[in-house]
């Protein structure tokens, strides 16, 4: 099969190239997916550069989410005859690597049906994004109806999905972005307030809005102290990435005074069982919101499979709005 490989140190997007490699073996409890589209995510960029190695036992091929068609199944022995899936079903799925390939092996518990009314391209933009946001916003952040969530990078895939999910679950959403174009896009996602960090102090603006109960942050660095400054009593800061420094200085007195919780997580290192649990919760709670139109896919651009280098270059430029996918075989 064909897959995208990395030559050299991967520091440049041009280090990606199309290569011939072995089709993955199908372990018990897995299905083989003929990939239609593969999502392109920030962790792929980090892995390409050597800064985010895959977990032990995971595929070395880039790619954490796909859509496609079930080619074959090898269900575990403890499954009944009715496993809920069959050859030919169109699905999307979170994968532990290997998405940038014509075929990928997926834990059967990590499959999701393509939501009604969505294309395979749109479906490929969902799993990594939605599972990350659901786990961090709704579980770690424990967002409740009527609360206010602050999300940075509202134009990013994570940011735009946080806006939509927060609104769908009854919260108010404040989002930041940089520049008029990105702010306009962020506002179109449904944010109640959009703050341009290039011209405005987001702390003052958030405080004037009533403060934040949950902060979902992909920036870190000097944003951390500022997040804490605009946090309400009993608020939660959830760290899901760092565009700036990962090591920050913390005034513990502020955390203690506000009885705040500081937490965060990564999705990829979680166990297959934990990913299966989150997948089931997303199917139960979020899929109906997608099919009713309350949450929409945020697909920004589609690149041909052989042009993965251009997709990464586009991501590297930092001007994108929404998600990017590769057209593998559709």
Protein backbone atom coordinates (compact mmCIF):
# COMPACT_ATOMS: atom_id res chain seq x y z
CA UNK A 1 0.00 0.00 0.00
CA UNK A 2 1.01 3.65 -0.27
CA UNK A 3 1.63 5.80 2.78
CA UNK A 4 3.22 9.13 3.62
CA UNK A 5 6.74 8.80 5.05
CA UNK A 6 9.21 11.30 6.51
CA UNK A 7 12.76 11.70 5.20
CA UNK A 8 15.60 13.37 7.10
CA UNK A 9 14.76 15.27 10.28
CA UNK A 10 11.26 16.26 9.22
CA UNK A 11 11.82 19.90 10.13
CA UNK A 12 10.50 20.99 6.74
CA UNK A 13 7.12 19.99 5.33
CA UNK A 14 8.92 19.03 2.10
CA UNK A 15 10.39 16.07 4.02
CA UNK A 16 7.06 14.27 3.53
CA UNK A 17 6.85 11.92 0.55
CA UNK A 18 4.67 9.12 -0.81
CA UNK A 19 6.17 5.69 -0.18
CA UNK A 20 5.31 2.00 -0.63
CA UNK A 21 4.93 0.05 2.62
CA UNK A 22 3.33 -3.05 4.14
CA UNK A 23 -0.42 -3.21 4.67
CA UNK A 24 -1.09 -3.41 8.45
CA UNK A 25 -1.80 -6.78 10.05
CA UNK A 26 -5.23 -7.20 11.60
CA UNK A 27 -5.08 -8.08 15.30
CA UNK A 28 -8.08 -9.53 17.17
CA UNK A 29 -10.56 -6.79 18.01
CA UNK A 30 -9.53 -4.66 15.02
CA UNK A 31 -10.93 -3.77 11.63
CA UNK A 32 -9.06 -2.87 8.47
CA UNK A 33 -10.19 0.44 7.01
CA UNK A 34 -9.68 1.44 3.39
CA UNK A 35 -8.93 5.09 4.00
CA UNK A 36 -10.92 7.68 2.09
CA UNK A 37 -9.72 10.80 3.92
CA UNK A 38 -7.21 11.42 6.71
CA UNK A 39 -7.34 14.37 9.09
CA UNK A 40 -4.28 16.60 9.45
CA UNK A 41 -3.65 17.77 13.01
CA UNK A 42 -1.07 19.74 14.98
CA UNK A 43 0.30 16.53 16.60
CA UNK A 44 1.14 15.30 13.08
CA UNK A 45 3.32 18.39 12.60
CA UNK A 46 5.05 17.75 15.93
CA UNK A 47 5.60 14.07 15.11
CA UNK A 48 7.01 14.96 11.69
CA UNK A 49 9.57 17.19 13.42
CA UNK A 50 10.47 14.49 15.95
CA UNK A 51 8.85 16.27 18.90
CA UNK A 52 5.90 13.89 19.47
CA UNK A 53 6.98 10.26 19.13
CA UNK A 54 4.16 7.71 18.82
CA UNK A 55 3.41 5.51 21.85
CA UNK A 56 5.01 2.09 22.06
CA UNK A 57 3.37 -0.33 19.66
CA UNK A 58 1.67 2.38 17.60
CA UNK A 59 2.21 2.83 13.88
CA UNK A 60 5.10 5.11 12.97
CA UNK A 61 3.02 6.52 10.10
CA UNK A 62 1.47 9.94 10.73
CA UNK A 63 -2.27 10.42 11.08
CA UNK A 64 -4.67 10.24 14.03
CA UNK A 65 -8.11 10.25 12.39
CA UNK A 66 -9.62 8.84 9.22
CA UNK A 67 -12.82 8.19 7.37
CA UNK A 68 -13.33 5.31 4.99
CA UNK A 69 -14.88 1.89 4.44
CA UNK A 70 -14.47 -1.31 6.46
CA UNK A 71 -12.40 -3.70 4.32
CA UNK A 72 -12.27 -6.64 6.77
CA UNK A 73 -12.92 -7.48 10.42
CA UNK A 74 -11.22 -9.58 13.08
CA UNK A 75 -13.56 -9.27 16.08
CA UNK A 76 -12.42 -10.38 19.54
CA UNK A 77 -13.54 -13.82 20.68
CA UNK A 78 -15.78 -12.42 23.42
CA UNK A 79 -17.96 -10.55 20.89
CA UNK A 80 -21.36 -11.93 19.98
CA UNK A 81 -22.31 -12.68 16.39
CA UNK A 82 -23.79 -9.20 16.07
CA UNK A 83 -20.79 -6.87 16.38
CA UNK A 84 -22.62 -3.85 15.02
CA UNK A 85 -20.34 -3.42 11.99
CA UNK A 86 -19.92 -5.17 8.65
CA UNK A 87 -17.64 -5.05 5.64
CA UNK A 88 -18.57 -2.08 3.45
CA UNK A 89 -19.77 0.18 6.28
CA UNK A 90 -18.69 3.82 5.99
CA UNK A 91 -17.06 4.98 9.20
CA UNK A 92 -14.79 7.55 10.77
CA UNK A 93 -12.40 6.71 13.56
CA UNK A 94 -9.72 7.82 15.97
CA UNK A 95 -6.52 5.94 15.21
CA UNK A 96 -3.30 5.61 17.18
CA UNK A 97 -1.20 6.45 14.12
CA UNK A 98 -1.21 5.20 10.54
CA UNK A 99 -3.90 7.48 9.14
CA UNK A 100 -1.76 8.80 6.28
CA UNK A 101 -2.02 5.47 4.44
CA UNK A 102 -4.33 3.63 2.04
CA UNK A 103 -5.22 1.15 4.80
CA UNK A 104 -5.21 1.44 8.58
CA UNK A 105 -5.99 -1.00 11.39
CA UNK A 106 -8.42 0.37 13.98
CA UNK A 107 -9.68 -0.90 17.33
CA UNK A 108 -13.30 -1.81 16.60
CA UNK A 109 -14.41 0.10 19.71
CA UNK A 110 -13.01 3.34 18.28
CA UNK A 111 -15.27 3.36 15.22
CA UNK A 112 -18.02 5.92 14.71
CA UNK A 113 -20.62 5.97 11.96
CA UNK A 114 -20.43 8.79 9.44
CA UNK A 115 -23.06 11.25 10.73
CA UNK A 116 -26.16 11.50 8.58
CA UNK A 117 -25.83 14.22 5.95
CA UNK A 118 -22.03 14.49 6.15
CA UNK A 119 -19.50 13.60 3.48
CA UNK A 120 -16.54 11.30 4.13
CA UNK A 121 -14.27 14.35 3.90
CA UNK A 122 -16.23 16.14 6.62
CA UNK A 123 -16.36 12.98 8.76
CA UNK A 124 -12.55 12.66 8.66
CA UNK A 125 -12.26 16.07 10.33
CA UNK A 126 -14.24 14.98 13.39
CA UNK A 127 -12.78 12.18 15.61
CA UNK A 128 -9.51 13.64 16.95
CA UNK A 129 -11.02 17.08 17.33
CA UNK A 130 -14.30 16.08 18.95
CA UNK A 131 -12.88 13.45 21.31
CA UNK A 132 -10.20 15.91 22.46
CA UNK A 133 -12.68 18.71 23.09
CA UNK A 134 -15.29 16.47 24.73
CA UNK A 135 -12.79 14.85 27.10
CA UNK A 136 -11.24 18.16 28.13
CA UNK A 137 -14.20 20.52 28.08
CA UNK A 138 -16.99 18.29 29.34
CA UNK A 139 -15.07 15.81 31.53
CA UNK A 140 -11.88 17.48 32.83
CA UNK A 141 -13.42 20.95 32.64
CA UNK A 142 -16.81 19.74 33.93
CA UNK A 143 -18.58 22.50 31.99
CA UNK A 144 -22.15 23.12 33.17
CA UNK A 145 -25.06 24.88 31.44
CA UNK A 146 -24.98 28.62 32.14
CA UNK A 147 -21.24 28.71 32.81
CA UNK A 148 -18.74 30.64 30.70
CA UNK A 149 -15.87 29.00 28.86
CA UNK A 150 -12.86 30.89 27.52
CA UNK A 151 -11.03 29.25 24.63
CA UNK A 152 -7.90 30.57 22.96
CA UNK A 153 -7.26 30.19 19.24
CA UNK A 154 -10.92 30.26 18.32
CA UNK A 155 -10.02 29.92 14.64
CA UNK A 156 -8.23 26.59 15.18
CA UNK A 157 -9.92 23.21 14.90
CA UNK A 158 -9.91 22.80 18.70
CA UNK A 159 -11.07 26.37 19.25
CA UNK A 160 -13.93 26.30 16.76
CA UNK A 161 -15.16 22.94 18.06
CA UNK A 162 -15.00 24.20 21.67
CA UNK A 163 -17.19 27.15 20.69
CA UNK A 164 -19.77 24.91 19.04
CA UNK A 165 -19.77 22.26 21.75
CA UNK A 166 -19.89 24.81 24.55
CA UNK A 167 -22.90 26.53 22.99
CA UNK A 168 -24.63 23.22 22.25
CA UNK A 169 -24.33 22.22 25.92
CA UNK A 170 -25.78 25.52 27.15
CA UNK A 171 -22.69 27.56 28.02
CA UNK A 172 -21.59 31.07 27.10
CA UNK A 173 -18.36 31.15 25.11
CA UNK A 174 -15.61 33.76 24.97
CA UNK A 175 -12.92 33.14 22.37
CA UNK A 176 -9.68 34.81 21.37
CA UNK A 177 -8.04 35.03 17.97
CA UNK A 178 -5.48 37.31 16.33
CA UNK A 179 -6.43 39.62 13.47
CA UNK A 180 -9.74 40.78 12.01
CA UNK A 181 -10.12 37.86 9.58
CA UNK A 182 -9.61 35.16 12.22
CA UNK A 183 -11.84 37.03 14.66
CA UNK A 184 -14.64 37.22 12.09
CA UNK A 185 -14.36 33.48 11.45
CA UNK A 186 -14.38 32.79 15.21
CA UNK A 187 -17.50 34.91 15.63
CA UNK A 188 -19.18 32.94 12.83
CA UNK A 189 -18.68 29.76 14.89
CA UNK A 190 -21.09 31.17 17.47
CA UNK A 191 -18.90 32.72 20.17
CA UNK A 192 -20.70 35.23 22.38
CA UNK A 193 -17.59 37.41 22.59
CA UNK A 194 -14.46 37.39 20.41
CA UNK A 195 -11.32 39.17 21.60
CA UNK A 196 -8.52 40.17 19.21
CA UNK A 197 -5.35 39.46 21.19
CA UNK A 198 -3.38 41.58 18.72
CA UNK A 199 -5.15 44.75 19.88
CA UNK A 200 -6.98 43.92 23.12
CA UNK A 201 -6.20 42.77 26.67
CA UNK A 202 -8.19 39.56 26.95
CA UNK A 203 -8.08 39.57 30.76
CA UNK A 204 -9.91 42.90 31.03
CA UNK A 205 -12.43 41.86 28.37
CA UNK A 206 -13.16 38.50 30.01
CA UNK A 207 -13.56 40.11 33.44
CA UNK A 208 -15.95 42.69 31.99
CA UNK A 209 -17.96 39.82 30.50
CA UNK A 210 -18.26 38.20 33.95
CA UNK A 211 -15.16 36.03 34.13
CA UNK A 212 -14.56 32.47 33.00
CA UNK A 213 -15.58 29.25 34.75
CA UNK A 214 -13.58 27.03 32.39
CA UNK A 215 -10.52 27.97 30.33
CA UNK A 216 -9.47 25.63 27.51
CA UNK A 217 -5.97 26.69 26.54
CA UNK A 218 -3.67 25.69 23.67
CA UNK A 219 -1.17 28.52 24.23
CA UNK A 220 0.45 28.27 27.72
CA UNK A 221 3.48 30.52 28.35
CA UNK A 222 2.45 33.95 29.64
CA UNK A 223 -1.20 33.11 28.94
CA UNK A 224 -1.30 30.84 31.99
CA UNK A 225 -1.11 33.63 34.61
CA UNK A 226 -3.55 35.69 32.59
CA UNK A 227 -5.98 32.75 32.39
CA UNK A 228 -5.81 32.46 36.15
CA UNK A 229 -6.43 36.19 36.53
CA UNK A 230 -9.77 36.04 34.70
CA UNK A 231 -10.92 32.75 36.28
CA UNK A 232 -13.98 32.80 38.53
CA UNK A 233 -14.17 31.13 41.94
CA UNK A 234 -14.08 27.33 41.63
CA UNK A 235 -12.94 27.75 38.01
CA UNK A 236 -11.03 25.16 35.99
CA UNK A 237 -8.08 25.67 33.66
CA UNK A 238 -7.66 22.80 31.20
CA UNK A 239 -4.38 22.71 29.28
CA UNK A 240 -4.56 20.89 25.95
CA UNK A 241 -1.49 22.27 24.18
CA UNK A 242 1.20 24.91 24.21
CA UNK A 243 2.01 27.26 21.39
CA UNK A 244 4.34 29.07 23.76
CA UNK A 245 6.51 27.81 26.64
CA UNK A 246 5.31 24.64 28.38
CA UNK A 247 7.14 25.55 31.61
CA UNK A 248 5.42 28.40 33.44
CA UNK A 249 5.70 30.15 36.79
CA UNK A 250 2.61 29.73 38.99
CA UNK A 251 1.47 31.86 41.92
CA UNK A 252 -0.11 29.16 44.06
CA UNK A 253 -1.83 31.77 46.23
CA UNK A 254 -4.11 32.67 43.33
CA UNK A 255 -5.06 29.04 42.80
CA UNK A 256 -5.76 28.59 46.51
CA UNK A 257 -7.72 31.86 46.81
CA UNK A 258 -9.98 30.96 43.90
CA UNK A 259 -10.20 27.27 44.85
CA UNK A 260 -9.26 26.67 41.26
CA UNK A 261 -8.45 23.41 39.52
CA UNK A 262 -5.60 23.23 37.01
CA UNK A 263 -5.63 20.14 34.82
CA UNK A 264 -5.05 18.97 31.27
CA UNK A 265 -4.59 15.90 29.17
CA UNK A 266 -3.37 14.31 25.95
CA UNK A 267 -5.60 12.00 23.98
CA UNK A 268 -3.08 9.80 22.18
CA UNK A 269 -1.34 8.25 25.24
CA UNK A 270 -4.65 7.11 26.75
CA UNK A 271 -5.33 3.39 26.87
CA UNK A 272 -7.51 1.71 24.22
CA UNK A 273 -10.14 1.09 26.91
CA UNK A 274 -10.22 4.78 27.85
CA UNK A 275 -10.47 5.86 24.22
CA UNK A 276 -13.30 3.36 23.74
CA UNK A 277 -15.14 4.88 26.71
CA UNK A 278 -14.78 8.43 25.35
CA UNK A 279 -15.80 7.29 21.86
CA UNK A 280 -18.98 5.76 23.27
CA UNK A 281 -19.81 8.96 25.20
CA UNK A 282 -19.21 11.10 22.12
CA UNK A 283 -21.45 8.82 20.06
CA UNK A 284 -24.16 9.10 22.71
CA UNK A 285 -23.96 12.81 23.53
CA UNK A 286 -22.34 14.61 20.58
CA UNK A 287 -23.34 12.64 17.45
CA UNK A 288 -27.04 13.64 17.83
CA UNK A 289 -25.93 17.29 17.98
CA UNK A 290 -24.01 16.87 14.72
CA UNK A 291 -26.92 15.16 12.98
CA UNK A 292 -29.30 17.90 14.14
CA UNK A 293 -26.96 20.61 12.83
CA UNK A 294 -26.11 22.13 16.24
CA UNK A 295 -22.47 21.15 15.76
CA UNK A 296 -21.05 21.38 12.25
CA UNK A 297 -17.82 20.02 10.77
CA UNK A 298 -15.22 22.75 10.36
CA UNK A 299 -13.46 21.52 7.25
CA UNK A 300 -11.34 24.29 5.78
CA UNK A 301 -9.22 22.66 3.07
CA UNK A 302 -8.72 19.33 1.31
CA UNK A 303 -5.36 18.30 -0.20
CA UNK A 304 -4.55 15.34 -2.43
CA UNK A 305 -2.77 12.46 -0.71
CA UNK A 306 0.45 12.91 -2.68
CA UNK A 307 0.41 16.60 -1.72
CA UNK A 308 0.67 16.02 2.05
CA UNK A 309 3.72 18.30 2.13
CA UNK A 310 1.54 21.22 0.99
CA UNK A 311 -1.04 20.41 3.66
CA UNK A 312 1.67 20.57 6.33
CA UNK A 313 3.11 23.76 4.84
CA UNK A 314 -0.34 25.32 5.01
CA UNK A 315 -0.63 24.29 8.66
CA UNK A 316 2.91 25.50 9.40
CA UNK A 317 2.01 28.95 8.08
CA UNK A 318 -0.51 29.33 10.90
CA UNK A 319 -3.12 31.15 8.83
CA UNK A 320 -5.62 28.30 8.58
CA UNK A 321 -9.16 28.42 9.90
CA UNK A 322 -10.73 25.07 10.76
CA UNK A 323 -9.57 21.56 9.83
CA UNK A 324 -7.49 20.14 6.98
CA UNK A 325 -7.85 16.66 5.45
CA UNK A 326 -5.99 14.56 2.88
CA UNK A 327 -7.95 12.87 0.09
CA UNK A 328 -6.47 9.36 0.16
CA UNK A 329 -8.68 7.18 -2.05
CA UNK A 330 -12.10 8.80 -2.39
